[in-house]
Amino acid sequence: REDGRYCWRVEKEQTAKRRIKGLAEHHPFTVYS
């Protein structure tokens, strides 16, 4: 399908910094949506 529907599709790739307990403060990581 050309519209990317009815299947799993990686829509975004970005670097994020989030405060998550158990990780270093503002630990940066790559996130795929």
ModelCIF file with pLDDT and N, C-alpha, C, O atoms, coordinates in Angstrom:
data_MODEL
#
_entry.id   MODEL 
#
_entity.id                         1 
_entity.type                       polymer 
_entity.pdbx_number_of_molecules   1 
#
_entity_poly.entity_id                      1 
_entity_poly.type                           'polypeptide(L)' 
_entity_poly.nstd_linkage                   no 
_entity_poly.nstd_monomer                   no 
_entity_poly.pdbx_seq_one_letter_code       REDGRYCWRVEKEQTAKRRIKGLAEHHPFTVYS 
_entity_poly.pdbx_seq_one_letter_code_can   REDGRYCWRVEKEQTAKRRIKGLAEHHPFTVYS 
_entity_poly.pdbx_strand_id                 A 
#
loop_
_entity_poly_seq.entity_id 
_entity_poly_seq.num 
_entity_poly_seq.mon_id 
_entity_poly_seq.hetero 
1 1  ARG n 
1 2  GLU n 
1 3  ASP n 
1 4  GLY n 
1 5  ARG n 
1 6  TYR n 
1 7  CYS n 
1 8  TRP n 
1 9  ARG n 
1 10 VAL n 
1 11 GLU n 
1 12 LYS n 
1 13 GLU n 
1 14 GLN n 
1 15 THR n 
1 16 ALA n 
1 17 LYS n 
1 18 ARG n 
1 19 ARG n 
1 20 ILE n 
1 21 LYS n 
1 22 GLY n 
1 23 LEU n 
1 24 ALA n 
1 25 GLU n 
1 26 HIS n 
1 27 HIS n 
1 28 PRO n 
1 29 PHE n 
1 30 THR n 
1 31 VAL n 
1 32 TYR n 
1 33 SER n 
#
_struct_asym.id          A 
_struct_asym.entity_id   1 
#
loop_
_ma_qa_metric.id 
_ma_qa_metric.mode 
_ma_qa_metric.name 
_ma_qa_metric.software_group_id 
_ma_qa_metric.type 
1 global pLDDT . pLDDT 
2 local  pLDDT . pLDDT 
#
_ma_qa_metric_global.metric_id      1 
_ma_qa_metric_global.metric_value   90.09 
_ma_qa_metric_global.model_id       1 
_ma_qa_metric_global.ordinal_id     1 
#
loop_
_ma_qa_metric_local.label_asym_id 
_ma_qa_metric_local.label_comp_id 
_ma_qa_metric_local.label_seq_id 
_ma_qa_metric_local.metric_id 
_ma_qa_metric_local.metric_value 
_ma_qa_metric_local.model_id 
_ma_qa_metric_local.ordinal_id 
A ARG 1  2 91.00 1 1  
A GLU 2  2 88.00 1 2  
A ASP 3  2 92.00 1 3  
A GLY 4  2 91.00 1 4  
A ARG 5  2 96.00 1 5  
A TYR 6  2 97.00 1 6  
A CYS 7  2 96.00 1 7  
A TRP 8  2 97.00 1 8  
A ARG 9  2 97.00 1 9  
A VAL 10 2 98.00 1 10 
A GLU 11 2 97.00 1 11 
A LYS 12 2 97.00 1 12 
A GLU 13 2 97.00 1 13 
A GLN 14 2 95.00 1 14 
A THR 15 2 93.00 1 15 
A ALA 16 2 87.00 1 16 
A LYS 17 2 84.00 1 17 
A ARG 18 2 83.00 1 18 
A ARG 19 2 87.00 1 19 
A ILE 20 2 92.00 1 20 
A LYS 21 2 93.00 1 21 
A GLY 22 2 91.00 1 22 
A LEU 23 2 88.00 1 23 
A ALA 24 2 78.00 1 24 
A GLU 25 2 71.00 1 25 
A HIS 26 2 68.00 1 26 
A HIS 27 2 71.00 1 27 
A PRO 28 2 81.00 1 28 
A PHE 29 2 89.00 1 29 
A THR 30 2 95.00 1 30 
A VAL 31 2 97.00 1 31 
A TYR 32 2 98.00 1 32 
A SER 33 2 98.00 1 33 
#
loop_
_atom_site.group_PDB 
_atom_site.id 
_atom_site.type_symbol 
_atom_site.label_atom_id 
_atom_site.label_alt_id 
_atom_site.label_comp_id 
_atom_site.label_asym_id 
_atom_site.label_entity_id 
_atom_site.label_seq_id 
_atom_site.pdbx_PDB_ins_code 
_atom_site.Cartn_x 
_atom_site.Cartn_y 
_atom_site.Cartn_z 
_atom_site.occupancy 
_atom_site.B_iso_or_equiv 
_atom_site.pdbx_formal_charge 
_atom_site.auth_seq_id 
_atom_site.auth_comp_id 
_atom_site.auth_asym_id 
_atom_site.auth_atom_id 
_atom_site.pdbx_PDB_model_num 
ATOM 1   N N  . ARG A 1 1  ? 0.836  -1.203 0.000  1.00 91.00 ? 1  ARG A N  1 
ATOM 2   C CA . ARG A 1 1  ? 0.000  0.000  0.000  1.00 91.00 ? 1  ARG A CA 1 
ATOM 3   C C  . ARG A 1 1  ? 0.871  1.254  0.000  1.00 91.00 ? 1  ARG A C  1 
ATOM 4   O O  . ARG A 1 1  ? 1.890  1.306  0.688  1.00 91.00 ? 1  ARG A O  1 
ATOM 5   N N  . GLU A 1 2  ? 0.472  2.253  -0.765 1.00 88.00 ? 2  GLU A N  1 
ATOM 6   C CA . GLU A 1 2  ? 1.255  3.476  -0.842 1.00 88.00 ? 2  GLU A CA 1 
ATOM 7   C C  . GLU A 1 2  ? 0.992  4.407  0.330  1.00 88.00 ? 2  GLU A C  1 
ATOM 8   O O  . GLU A 1 2  ? 1.781  5.316  0.588  1.00 88.00 ? 2  GLU A O  1 
ATOM 9   N N  . ASP A 1 3  ? -0.118 4.189  1.050  1.00 92.00 ? 3  ASP A N  1 
ATOM 10  C CA . ASP A 1 3  ? -0.442 5.085  2.160  1.00 92.00 ? 3  ASP A CA 1 
ATOM 11  C C  . ASP A 1 3  ? 0.149  4.628  3.488  1.00 92.00 ? 3  ASP A C  1 
ATOM 12  O O  . ASP A 1 3  ? -0.017 5.309  4.500  1.00 92.00 ? 3  ASP A O  1 
ATOM 13  N N  . GLY A 1 4  ? 0.847  3.470  3.504  1.00 91.00 ? 4  GLY A N  1 
ATOM 14  C CA . GLY A 1 4  ? 1.488  3.005  4.725  1.00 91.00 ? 4  GLY A CA 1 
ATOM 15  C C  . GLY A 1 4  ? 0.531  2.479  5.774  1.00 91.00 ? 4  GLY A C  1 
ATOM 16  O O  . GLY A 1 4  ? 0.912  2.336  6.936  1.00 91.00 ? 4  GLY A O  1 
ATOM 17  N N  . ARG A 1 5  ? -0.724 2.183  5.384  1.00 96.00 ? 5  ARG A N  1 
ATOM 18  C CA . ARG A 1 5  ? -1.708 1.682  6.335  1.00 96.00 ? 5  ARG A CA 1 
ATOM 19  C C  . ARG A 1 5  ? -1.798 0.158  6.261  1.00 96.00 ? 5  ARG A C  1 
ATOM 20  O O  . ARG A 1 5  ? -1.315 -0.458 5.311  1.00 96.00 ? 5  ARG A O  1 
ATOM 21  N N  . TYR A 1 6  ? -2.413 -0.432 7.262  1.00 97.00 ? 6  TYR A N  1 
ATOM 22  C CA . TYR A 1 6  ? -2.603 -1.885 7.357  1.00 97.00 ? 6  TYR A CA 1 
ATOM 23  C C  . TYR A 1 6  ? -1.276 -2.650 7.338  1.00 97.00 ? 6  TYR A C  1 
ATOM 24  O O  . TYR A 1 6  ? -1.171 -3.741 6.779  1.00 97.00 ? 6  TYR A O  1 
ATOM 25  N N  . CYS A 1 7  ? -0.297 -2.055 7.953  1.00 96.00 ? 7  CYS A N  1 
ATOM 26  C CA . CYS A 1 7  ? 0.977  -2.729 8.207  1.00 96.00 ? 7  CYS A CA 1 
ATOM 27  C C  . CYS A 1 7  ? 1.694  -1.919 9.274  1.00 96.00 ? 7  CYS A C  1 
ATOM 28  O O  . CYS A 1 7  ? 1.347  -0.767 9.532  1.00 96.00 ? 7  CYS A O  1 
ATOM 29  N N  . TRP A 1 8  ? 2.700  -2.533 9.893  1.00 97.00 ? 8  TRP A N  1 
ATOM 30  C CA . TRP A 1 8  ? 3.557  -1.752 10.776 1.00 97.00 ? 8  TRP A CA 1 
ATOM 31  C C  . TRP A 1 8  ? 4.468  -0.870 9.921  1.00 97.00 ? 8  TRP A C  1 
ATOM 32  O O  . TRP A 1 8  ? 5.042  -1.324 8.931  1.00 97.00 ? 8  TRP A O  1 
ATOM 33  N N  . ARG A 1 9  ? 4.586  0.381  10.315 1.00 97.00 ? 9  ARG A N  1 
ATOM 34  C CA . ARG A 1 9  ? 5.415  1.331  9.562  1.00 97.00 ? 9  ARG A CA 1 
ATOM 35  C C  . ARG A 1 9  ? 6.147  2.243  10.533 1.00 97.00 ? 9  ARG A C  1 
ATOM 36  O O  . ARG A 1 9  ? 5.552  2.783  11.466 1.00 97.00 ? 9  ARG A O  1 
ATOM 37  N N  . VAL A 1 10 ? 7.455  2.409  10.304 1.00 98.00 ? 10 VAL A N  1 
ATOM 38  C CA . VAL A 1 10 ? 8.236  3.356  11.103 1.00 98.00 ? 10 VAL A CA 1 
ATOM 39  C C  . VAL A 1 10 ? 7.950  4.753  10.572 1.00 98.00 ? 10 VAL A C  1 
ATOM 40  O O  . VAL A 1 10 ? 8.390  5.115  9.480  1.00 98.00 ? 10 VAL A O  1 
ATOM 41  N N  . GLU A 1 11 ? 7.212  5.534  11.351 1.00 97.00 ? 11 GLU A N  1 
ATOM 42  C CA . GLU A 1 11 ? 6.798  6.857  10.885 1.00 97.00 ? 11 GLU A CA 1 
ATOM 43  C C  . GLU A 1 11 ? 7.805  7.956  11.227 1.00 97.00 ? 11 GLU A C  1 
ATOM 44  O O  . GLU A 1 11 ? 7.934  8.939  10.498 1.00 97.00 ? 11 GLU A O  1 
ATOM 45  N N  . LYS A 1 12 ? 8.517  7.780  12.345 1.00 97.00 ? 12 LYS A N  1 
ATOM 46  C CA . LYS A 1 12 ? 9.474  8.814  12.753 1.00 97.00 ? 12 LYS A CA 1 
ATOM 47  C C  . LYS A 1 12 ? 10.700 8.178  13.402 1.00 97.00 ? 12 LYS A C  1 
ATOM 48  O O  . LYS A 1 12 ? 10.626 7.102  13.996 1.00 97.00 ? 12 LYS A O  1 
ATOM 49  N N  . GLU A 1 13 ? 11.809 8.862  13.274 1.00 97.00 ? 13 GLU A N  1 
ATOM 50  C CA . GLU A 1 13 ? 13.035 8.515  13.987 1.00 97.00 ? 13 GLU A CA 1 
ATOM 51  C C  . GLU A 1 13 ? 13.606 9.799  14.561 1.00 97.00 ? 13 GLU A C  1 
ATOM 52  O O  . GLU A 1 13 ? 13.854 10.757 13.828 1.00 97.00 ? 13 GLU A O  1 
ATOM 53  N N  . GLN A 1 14 ? 13.816 9.822  15.877 1.00 95.00 ? 14 GLN A N  1 
ATOM 54  C CA . GLN A 1 14 ? 14.296 11.051 16.484 1.00 95.00 ? 14 GLN A CA 1 
ATOM 55  C C  . GLN A 1 14 ? 15.129 10.738 17.725 1.00 95.00 ? 14 GLN A C  1 
ATOM 56  O O  . GLN A 1 14 ? 15.047 9.646  18.289 1.00 95.00 ? 14 GLN A O  1 
ATOM 57  N N  . THR A 1 15 ? 15.918 11.701 18.131 1.00 93.00 ? 15 THR A N  1 
ATOM 58  C CA . THR A 1 15 ? 16.671 11.589 19.369 1.00 93.00 ? 15 THR A CA 1 
ATOM 59  C C  . THR A 1 15 ? 15.894 12.274 20.477 1.00 93.00 ? 15 THR A C  1 
ATOM 60  O O  . THR A 1 15 ? 15.446 13.411 20.326 1.00 93.00 ? 15 THR A O  1 
ATOM 61  N N  . ALA A 1 16 ? 15.738 11.573 21.596 1.00 87.00 ? 16 ALA A N  1 
ATOM 62  C CA . ALA A 1 16 ? 14.944 12.114 22.704 1.00 87.00 ? 16 ALA A CA 1 
ATOM 63  C C  . ALA A 1 16 ? 15.775 12.149 23.968 1.00 87.00 ? 16 ALA A C  1 
ATOM 64  O O  . ALA A 1 16 ? 16.694 11.350 24.150 1.00 87.00 ? 16 ALA A O  1 
ATOM 65  N N  . LYS A 1 17 ? 15.438 13.086 24.839 1.00 84.00 ? 17 LYS A N  1 
ATOM 66  C CA . LYS A 1 17 ? 15.998 13.156 26.182 1.00 84.00 ? 17 LYS A CA 1 
ATOM 67  C C  . LYS A 1 17 ? 14.821 13.208 27.146 1.00 84.00 ? 17 LYS A C  1 
ATOM 68  O O  . LYS A 1 17 ? 14.067 14.181 27.161 1.00 84.00 ? 17 LYS A O  1 
ATOM 69  N N  . ARG A 1 18 ? 14.666 12.175 27.939 1.00 83.00 ? 18 ARG A N  1 
ATOM 70  C CA . ARG A 1 18 ? 13.531 12.110 28.852 1.00 83.00 ? 18 ARG A CA 1 
ATOM 71  C C  . ARG A 1 18 ? 14.003 11.698 30.236 1.00 83.00 ? 18 ARG A C  1 
ATOM 72  O O  . ARG A 1 18 ? 14.973 10.956 30.386 1.00 83.00 ? 18 ARG A O  1 
ATOM 73  N N  . ARG A 1 19 ? 13.309 12.186 31.223 1.00 87.00 ? 19 ARG A N  1 
ATOM 74  C CA . ARG A 1 19 ? 13.631 11.827 32.604 1.00 87.00 ? 19 ARG A CA 1 
ATOM 75  C C  . ARG A 1 19 ? 12.906 10.531 32.947 1.00 87.00 ? 19 ARG A C  1 
ATOM 76  O O  . ARG A 1 19 ? 11.687 10.513 33.117 1.00 87.00 ? 19 ARG A O  1 
ATOM 77  N N  . ILE A 1 20 ? 13.661 9.465  33.043 1.00 92.00 ? 20 ILE A N  1 
ATOM 78  C CA . ILE A 1 20 ? 13.120 8.137  33.354 1.00 92.00 ? 20 ILE A CA 1 
ATOM 79  C C  . ILE A 1 20 ? 13.884 7.600  34.559 1.00 92.00 ? 20 ILE A C  1 
ATOM 80  O O  . ILE A 1 20 ? 15.109 7.481  34.529 1.00 92.00 ? 20 ILE A O  1 
ATOM 81  N N  . LYS A 1 21 ? 13.154 7.282  35.605 1.00 93.00 ? 21 LYS A N  1 
ATOM 82  C CA . LYS A 1 21 ? 13.795 6.779  36.806 1.00 93.00 ? 21 LYS A CA 1 
ATOM 83  C C  . LYS A 1 21 ? 14.539 5.487  36.495 1.00 93.00 ? 21 LYS A C  1 
ATOM 84  O O  . LYS A 1 21 ? 14.001 4.599  35.833 1.00 93.00 ? 21 LYS A O  1 
ATOM 85  N N  . GLY A 1 22 ? 15.774 5.383  36.972 1.00 91.00 ? 22 GLY A N  1 
ATOM 86  C CA . GLY A 1 22 ? 16.605 4.221  36.691 1.00 91.00 ? 22 GLY A CA 1 
ATOM 87  C C  . GLY A 1 22 ? 17.628 4.479  35.611 1.00 91.00 ? 22 GLY A C  1 
ATOM 88  O O  . GLY A 1 22 ? 18.554 3.689  35.427 1.00 91.00 ? 22 GLY A O  1 
ATOM 89  N N  . LEU A 1 23 ? 17.469 5.593  34.886 1.00 88.00 ? 23 LEU A N  1 
ATOM 90  C CA . LEU A 1 23 ? 18.438 5.985  33.868 1.00 88.00 ? 23 LEU A CA 1 
ATOM 91  C C  . LEU A 1 23 ? 19.094 7.294  34.275 1.00 88.00 ? 23 LEU A C  1 
ATOM 92  O O  . LEU A 1 23 ? 18.581 8.023  35.124 1.00 88.00 ? 23 LEU A O  1 
ATOM 93  N N  . ALA A 1 24 ? 20.239 7.583  33.658 1.00 78.00 ? 24 ALA A N  1 
ATOM 94  C CA . ALA A 1 24 ? 20.883 8.859  33.914 1.00 78.00 ? 24 ALA A CA 1 
ATOM 95  C C  . ALA A 1 24 ? 19.929 9.988  33.547 1.00 78.00 ? 24 ALA A C  1 
ATOM 96  O O  . ALA A 1 24 ? 19.156 9.875  32.595 1.00 78.00 ? 24 ALA A O  1 
ATOM 97  N N  . GLU A 1 25 ? 19.987 11.087 34.314 1.00 71.00 ? 25 GLU A N  1 
ATOM 98  C CA . GLU A 1 25 ? 19.065 12.192 34.072 1.00 71.00 ? 25 GLU A CA 1 
ATOM 99  C C  . GLU A 1 25 ? 19.175 12.691 32.632 1.00 71.00 ? 25 GLU A C  1 
ATOM 100 O O  . GLU A 1 25 ? 20.265 12.932 32.113 1.00 71.00 ? 25 GLU A O  1 
ATOM 101 N N  . HIS A 1 26 ? 18.008 12.836 32.010 1.00 68.00 ? 26 HIS A N  1 
ATOM 102 C CA . HIS A 1 26 ? 17.923 13.288 30.615 1.00 68.00 ? 26 HIS A CA 1 
ATOM 103 C C  . HIS A 1 26 ? 18.769 12.401 29.692 1.00 68.00 ? 26 HIS A C  1 
ATOM 104 O O  . HIS A 1 26 ? 19.444 12.879 28.781 1.00 68.00 ? 26 HIS A O  1 
ATOM 105 N N  . HIS A 1 27 ? 18.707 11.131 29.957 1.00 71.00 ? 27 HIS A N  1 
ATOM 106 C CA . HIS A 1 27 ? 19.465 10.167 29.155 1.00 71.00 ? 27 HIS A CA 1 
ATOM 107 C C  . HIS A 1 27 ? 19.026 10.240 27.689 1.00 71.00 ? 27 HIS A C  1 
ATOM 108 O O  . HIS A 1 27 ? 17.848 10.029 27.402 1.00 71.00 ? 27 HIS A O  1 
ATOM 109 N N  . PRO A 1 28 ? 19.941 10.534 26.751 1.00 81.00 ? 28 PRO A N  1 
ATOM 110 C CA . PRO A 1 28 ? 19.540 10.624 25.343 1.00 81.00 ? 28 PRO A CA 1 
ATOM 111 C C  . PRO A 1 28 ? 19.461 9.248  24.692 1.00 81.00 ? 28 PRO A C  1 
ATOM 112 O O  . PRO A 1 28 ? 20.305 8.391  24.955 1.00 81.00 ? 28 PRO A O  1 
ATOM 113 N N  . PHE A 1 29 ? 18.460 9.026  23.847 1.00 89.00 ? 29 PHE A N  1 
ATOM 114 C CA . PHE A 1 29 ? 18.349 7.775  23.130 1.00 89.00 ? 29 PHE A CA 1 
ATOM 115 C C  . PHE A 1 29 ? 17.562 8.001  21.838 1.00 89.00 ? 29 PHE A C  1 
ATOM 116 O O  . PHE A 1 29 ? 16.800 8.959  21.710 1.00 89.00 ? 29 PHE A O  1 
ATOM 117 N N  . THR A 1 30 ? 17.771 7.095  20.894 1.00 95.00 ? 30 THR A N  1 
ATOM 118 C CA . THR A 1 30 ? 17.038 7.146  19.631 1.00 95.00 ? 30 THR A CA 1 
ATOM 119 C C  . THR A 1 30 ? 15.683 6.480  19.803 1.00 95.00 ? 30 THR A C  1 
ATOM 120 O O  . THR A 1 30 ? 15.584 5.387  20.361 1.00 95.00 ? 30 THR A O  1 
ATOM 121 N N  . VAL A 1 31 ? 14.638 7.149  19.318 1.00 97.00 ? 31 VAL A N  1 
ATOM 122 C CA . VAL A 1 31 ? 13.277 6.632  19.434 1.00 97.00 ? 31 VAL A CA 1 
ATOM 123 C C  . VAL A 1 31 ? 12.681 6.480  18.040 1.00 97.00 ? 31 VAL A C  1 
ATOM 124 O O  . VAL A 1 31 ? 12.729 7.401  17.224 1.00 97.00 ? 31 VAL A O  1 
ATOM 125 N N  . TYR A 1 32 ? 12.120 5.301  17.780 1.00 98.00 ? 32 TYR A N  1 
ATOM 126 C CA . TYR A 1 32 ? 11.387 5.043  16.539 1.00 98.00 ? 32 TYR A CA 1 
ATOM 127 C C  . TYR A 1 32 ? 9.900  4.971  16.872 1.00 98.00 ? 32 TYR A C  1 
ATOM 128 O O  . TYR A 1 32 ? 9.489  4.214  17.751 1.00 98.00 ? 32 TYR A O  1 
ATOM 129 N N  . SER A 1 33 ? 9.097  5.765  16.161 1.00 98.00 ? 33 SER A N  1 
ATOM 130 C CA . SER A 1 33 ? 7.645  5.701  16.312 1.00 98.00 ? 33 SER A CA 1 
ATOM 131 C C  . SER A 1 33 ? 7.098  4.781  15.242 1.00 98.00 ? 33 SER A C  1 
ATOM 132 O O  . SER A 1 33 ? 5.888  4.569  15.169 1.00 98.00 ? 33 SER A O  1 
#
